[in-house]
Amino acid sequence: MAIGDSFTEGLSDRGLGDSYLGWADRLAQTLADRYCTLDEPLLYANLAIRGRLLPQMVSEQVPRALELGPDLVTFAGGVNDAMRKSFDLDAKATEMERGVRALRKAGIDVMLVAFGDPSSTSSVMSLIGQRFAGLRSATLAIAEEYDCYLMDFWGEQAFEDPDVWDEDRLHLNPRGHELTTRAALNSLGWGDDSWREISEIGAQPSAVSRWVGHARWAKNHGYPWVSRRLRGVSSGDGVEPKYWEFKTVRPLID
């Protein structure tokens, strides 16, 4: 089972129609292909909703996980919290710990996600880089305290490649979600660390191209995001989880 926000919902990894795929769905299919049969398929649920904050995940998604009782839950959150005007690290860490403690007490394995350093790729995001550093430290401490699997992206140059990011600069593209799937398998002990290999970086855009790109981003993504914040609107308002119930995932290969 996957709980979280847009990262786990799968933005911007387009699936069929208007749906999103994403690393968690890709991971479920990979596990089904490797370890399941047609007669004994994988059961999978994805409760993640874009824009969700840690308190919402713990109050809305964790109880559903406890109700369904999966063997494994992936828990990825905190980015949206860190990007808000105010950020109380102790309060957010407490929320995360509360959710993890409840899951582990129920005998459910948990994989936590520690996100990368935004200052390595964005001068704007570097303004709140210390928030992400603090959130990572808290995530690592919680993972150790409650014996969780950990997927840690901090300092991983593979995710600094612009070719793994969508044009909104906030969400992974299909290549990025596939990379995350491989990282998740490695974190669970079912894969290798080849995902860390750095691709050859192509020619860098000219200064004019960069400025045109910044202007396009500000119009199409920056302004709408700021507008939602000012109006108190979330991108996840009215969005339902992809898989609130367990769905059957059968292997695609025999």
Protein backbone atom coordinates (compact mmCIF):
# COMPACT_ATOMS: atom_id res chain seq x y z
CA MET A 1 0.00 0.00 0.00
CA ALA A 2 1.20 3.51 -0.83
CA ILE A 3 0.32 6.65 1.11
CA GLY A 4 1.48 10.17 0.42
CA ASP A 5 1.01 13.14 -1.91
CA SER A 6 1.57 13.89 -5.60
CA PHE A 7 4.95 12.15 -5.57
CA THR A 8 3.25 8.84 -4.77
CA GLU A 9 0.05 9.55 -6.72
CA GLY A 10 2.29 9.63 -9.78
CA LEU A 11 2.26 13.17 -11.18
CA SER A 12 3.51 13.66 -13.99
CA ASP A 13 3.74 10.07 -15.19
CA ARG A 14 0.74 9.76 -17.49
CA GLY A 15 -1.06 6.45 -17.61
CA LEU A 16 -4.20 5.58 -19.51
CA GLY A 17 -6.62 8.42 -20.18
CA ASP A 18 -6.35 11.14 -17.53
CA SER A 19 -4.86 8.84 -14.91
CA TYR A 20 -1.32 8.81 -13.58
CA LEU A 21 0.96 5.82 -13.18
CA GLY A 22 3.92 6.73 -10.98
CA TRP A 23 6.69 4.88 -9.17
CA ALA A 24 4.40 3.20 -6.62
CA ASP A 25 2.20 1.66 -9.32
CA ARG A 26 5.31 0.69 -11.26
CA LEU A 27 6.76 -0.91 -8.11
CA ALA A 28 3.58 -2.91 -7.54
CA GLN A 29 3.66 -4.25 -11.09
CA THR A 30 7.37 -5.07 -10.85
CA LEU A 31 6.84 -7.00 -7.62
CA ALA A 32 3.91 -8.86 -9.18
CA ASP A 33 6.03 -9.76 -12.22
CA ARG A 34 8.92 -11.02 -10.12
CA TYR A 35 7.31 -12.67 -7.14
CA CYS A 36 3.64 -13.41 -7.85
CA THR A 37 1.67 -15.78 -10.05
CA LEU A 38 -1.65 -15.55 -11.83
CA ASP A 39 -3.17 -17.68 -9.08
CA GLU A 40 -1.49 -15.72 -6.27
CA PRO A 41 -1.40 -12.08 -7.44
CA LEU A 42 -0.32 -8.98 -5.57
CA LEU A 43 -2.91 -6.91 -3.71
CA TYR A 44 -2.19 -3.19 -3.99
CA ALA A 45 -3.77 0.08 -2.89
CA ASN A 46 -2.64 3.67 -3.50
CA LEU A 47 -4.20 6.24 -1.16
CA ALA A 48 -1.96 9.17 -2.14
CA ILE A 49 -3.51 12.50 -3.14
CA ARG A 50 -1.67 15.50 -4.56
CA GLY A 51 -1.24 18.44 -2.21
CA ARG A 52 -1.70 16.43 0.98
CA LEU A 53 0.15 17.55 4.11
CA LEU A 54 1.58 15.23 6.75
CA PRO A 55 -1.30 15.76 9.23
CA GLN A 56 -3.79 14.84 6.49
CA MET A 57 -1.86 11.69 5.57
CA VAL A 58 -1.78 10.59 9.20
CA SER A 59 -5.44 11.37 9.86
CA GLU A 60 -6.91 10.18 6.54
CA GLN A 61 -4.60 7.61 4.97
CA VAL A 62 -2.94 5.85 7.91
CA PRO A 63 -6.30 4.76 9.43
CA ARG A 64 -7.27 3.24 6.08
CA ALA A 65 -3.98 1.36 5.97
CA LEU A 66 -4.64 0.03 9.46
CA GLU A 67 -8.12 -1.01 8.36
CA LEU A 68 -6.93 -2.95 5.31
CA GLY A 69 -3.83 -4.36 6.98
CA PRO A 70 -1.22 -4.61 4.18
CA ASP A 71 2.16 -6.28 4.67
CA LEU A 72 4.03 -3.17 3.51
CA VAL A 73 3.24 0.56 3.41
CA THR A 74 5.33 3.15 1.59
CA PHE A 75 5.11 6.50 3.39
CA ALA A 76 6.35 9.62 1.56
CA GLY A 77 5.42 13.11 2.70
CA GLY A 78 6.55 16.46 3.99
CA VAL A 79 7.45 18.34 0.81
CA ASN A 80 4.16 20.24 0.72
CA ASP A 81 4.53 21.06 4.42
CA ALA A 82 8.04 22.44 3.86
CA MET A 83 6.80 24.67 1.03
CA ARG A 84 4.16 26.40 3.16
CA LYS A 85 4.69 29.90 4.56
CA SER A 86 5.23 28.56 8.07
CA PHE A 87 6.93 25.29 8.93
CA ASP A 88 7.31 23.72 12.37
CA LEU A 89 9.80 20.87 11.98
CA ASP A 90 9.11 19.40 15.42
CA ALA A 91 5.36 19.31 14.77
CA LYS A 92 5.79 17.70 11.34
CA ALA A 93 8.26 15.14 12.65
CA THR A 94 5.83 14.30 15.44
CA GLU A 95 3.05 13.73 12.91
CA MET A 96 5.25 11.43 10.83
CA GLU A 97 6.34 9.49 13.88
CA ARG A 98 2.74 9.12 15.05
CA GLY A 99 1.75 7.59 11.72
CA VAL A 100 4.77 5.29 11.54
CA ARG A 101 4.35 4.17 15.14
CA ALA A 102 0.72 3.19 14.52
CA LEU A 103 1.64 1.19 11.42
CA ARG A 104 4.56 -0.60 13.04
CA LYS A 105 2.51 -1.36 16.17
CA ALA A 106 0.04 -3.13 13.86
CA GLY A 107 2.86 -5.30 12.50
CA ILE A 108 3.04 -3.51 9.14
CA ASP A 109 6.42 -2.97 7.49
CA VAL A 110 7.05 0.64 6.46
CA MET A 111 9.31 2.22 3.86
CA LEU A 112 9.98 5.91 4.47
CA VAL A 113 11.22 8.35 1.84
CA ALA A 114 13.81 11.06 2.53
CA PHE A 115 13.75 13.59 -0.29
CA GLY A 116 16.71 15.24 -1.96
CA ASP A 117 18.30 18.64 -1.51
CA PRO A 118 16.33 21.16 -3.63
CA SER A 119 19.10 23.74 -3.44
CA SER A 120 21.22 21.58 -5.75
CA THR A 121 18.92 22.24 -8.70
CA SER A 122 16.90 25.36 -7.85
CA SER A 123 18.03 28.72 -6.50
CA VAL A 124 14.46 29.46 -5.45
CA MET A 125 14.05 26.20 -3.52
CA SER A 126 17.41 26.78 -1.87
CA LEU A 127 15.68 29.44 0.23
CA ILE A 128 13.96 26.65 2.15
CA GLY A 129 16.76 24.11 1.84
CA GLN A 130 17.24 23.97 5.62
CA ARG A 131 13.65 22.81 6.01
CA PHE A 132 14.31 19.85 3.74
CA ALA A 133 17.55 19.07 5.55
CA GLY A 134 15.73 19.05 8.88
CA LEU A 135 12.92 16.92 7.47
CA ARG A 136 15.44 14.41 6.15
CA SER A 137 17.20 14.18 9.51
CA ALA A 138 13.87 13.53 11.22
CA THR A 139 12.93 10.90 8.64
CA LEU A 140 16.22 9.06 9.10
CA ALA A 141 15.83 9.10 12.89
CA ILE A 142 12.27 7.75 12.68
CA ALA A 143 13.32 5.05 10.22
CA GLU A 144 16.02 3.89 12.61
CA GLU A 145 13.83 4.07 15.70
CA TYR A 146 11.01 2.01 14.18
CA ASP A 147 13.12 -0.31 12.01
CA CYS A 148 11.76 0.95 8.67
CA TYR A 149 13.05 0.55 5.16
CA LEU A 150 14.44 3.83 3.87
CA MET A 151 14.66 5.34 0.39
CA ASP A 152 17.03 8.30 0.70
CA PHE A 153 17.58 10.68 -2.24
CA TRP A 154 19.79 13.21 -0.46
CA GLY A 155 22.94 13.85 -2.44
CA GLU A 156 21.98 11.43 -5.21
CA GLN A 157 23.16 13.07 -8.41
CA ALA A 158 20.94 10.85 -10.56
CA PHE A 159 18.01 13.02 -9.46
CA GLU A 160 19.83 16.24 -10.30
CA ASP A 161 19.56 15.42 -14.01
CA PRO A 162 16.90 17.74 -15.55
CA ASP A 163 15.88 14.87 -17.83
CA VAL A 164 14.12 13.10 -14.93
CA TRP A 165 11.91 16.08 -14.07
CA ASP A 166 8.67 17.35 -15.57
CA GLU A 167 8.51 20.87 -16.99
CA ASP A 168 6.87 22.06 -13.76
CA ARG A 169 10.20 21.36 -12.01
CA LEU A 170 8.38 19.87 -9.02
CA HIS A 171 7.31 16.43 -10.24
CA LEU A 172 9.18 13.56 -11.79
CA ASN A 173 8.53 12.64 -15.41
CA PRO A 174 8.15 8.98 -16.53
CA ARG A 175 11.93 8.53 -16.59
CA GLY A 176 12.15 9.89 -13.04
CA HIS A 177 9.39 7.59 -11.78
CA GLU A 178 11.11 4.59 -13.35
CA LEU A 179 14.34 5.63 -11.62
CA THR A 180 12.46 5.86 -8.32
CA THR A 181 11.01 2.39 -8.84
CA ARG A 182 14.51 0.99 -9.13
CA ALA A 183 15.60 2.92 -6.04
CA ALA A 184 12.61 1.55 -4.11
CA LEU A 185 13.46 -2.03 -5.10
CA ASN A 186 17.03 -1.46 -3.96
CA SER A 187 15.84 -0.03 -0.64
CA LEU A 188 13.65 -3.09 -0.08
CA GLY A 189 16.57 -5.40 -0.77
CA TRP A 190 15.18 -6.68 -4.08
CA GLY A 191 17.37 -4.81 -6.53
CA ASP A 192 20.83 -3.35 -7.01
CA ASP A 193 22.17 0.19 -6.78
CA SER A 194 22.62 0.70 -10.52
CA TRP A 195 19.96 3.41 -10.33
CA ARG A 196 22.66 5.64 -8.86
CA GLU A 197 24.58 5.64 -12.12
CA ILE A 198 24.72 9.11 -13.63
CA SER A 199 23.63 9.56 -17.22
CA GLU A 200 25.74 11.61 -19.58
CA ILE A 201 24.52 15.19 -19.48
CA GLY A 202 23.92 16.75 -22.87
CA ALA A 203 24.67 20.28 -24.06
CA GLN A 204 23.50 23.01 -21.70
CA PRO A 205 20.91 25.52 -22.98
CA SER A 206 21.94 29.06 -23.81
CA ALA A 207 21.24 31.97 -21.46
CA VAL A 208 18.37 33.11 -23.69
CA SER A 209 16.83 29.63 -23.68
CA ARG A 210 17.09 29.48 -19.89
CA TRP A 211 15.33 32.82 -19.48
CA VAL A 212 12.59 31.78 -21.89
CA GLY A 213 12.18 28.59 -19.91
CA HIS A 214 11.97 30.51 -16.62
CA ALA A 215 9.31 32.81 -18.05
CA ARG A 216 7.28 29.88 -19.39
CA TRP A 217 7.53 28.11 -16.02
CA ALA A 218 6.44 31.23 -14.12
CA LYS A 219 3.36 31.61 -16.32
CA ASN A 220 2.29 27.96 -16.52
CA HIS A 221 3.32 26.67 -13.10
CA GLY A 222 4.69 29.32 -10.73
CA TYR A 223 1.77 31.75 -10.92
CA PRO A 224 -0.96 29.05 -10.56
CA TRP A 225 0.83 27.63 -7.51
CA VAL A 226 1.10 31.06 -5.82
CA SER A 227 -2.53 31.79 -6.71
CA ARG A 228 -3.69 28.58 -4.98
CA ARG A 229 -1.69 29.44 -1.88
CA LEU A 230 -3.22 32.93 -1.68
CA ARG A 231 -6.74 31.50 -2.09
CA GLY A 232 -6.17 28.68 0.36
CA VAL A 233 -6.90 26.10 -2.35
CA SER A 234 -5.11 22.77 -2.71
CA SER A 235 -4.40 20.98 -5.97
CA GLY A 236 -5.89 17.91 -4.31
CA ASP A 237 -9.28 19.43 -3.52
CA GLY A 238 -11.93 17.13 -4.95
CA VAL A 239 -9.39 14.45 -5.91
CA GLU A 240 -10.06 10.89 -4.75
CA PRO A 241 -7.41 8.22 -4.12
CA LYS A 242 -6.64 6.03 -7.12
CA TYR A 243 -7.09 2.78 -5.24
CA TRP A 244 -8.95 3.13 -1.93
CA GLU A 245 -9.60 -0.61 -2.01
CA PHE A 246 -7.08 -3.31 -2.78
CA LYS A 247 -6.78 -4.03 -6.49
CA THR A 248 -5.41 -7.22 -7.95
CA VAL A 249 -2.09 -6.87 -9.77
CA ARG A 250 -1.19 -9.95 -11.79
CA PRO A 251 2.17 -10.57 -13.45
CA LEU A 252 2.41 -9.44 -17.05
CA ILE A 253 5.15 -11.93 -17.77
CA ASP A 254 4.87 -15.68 -17.31
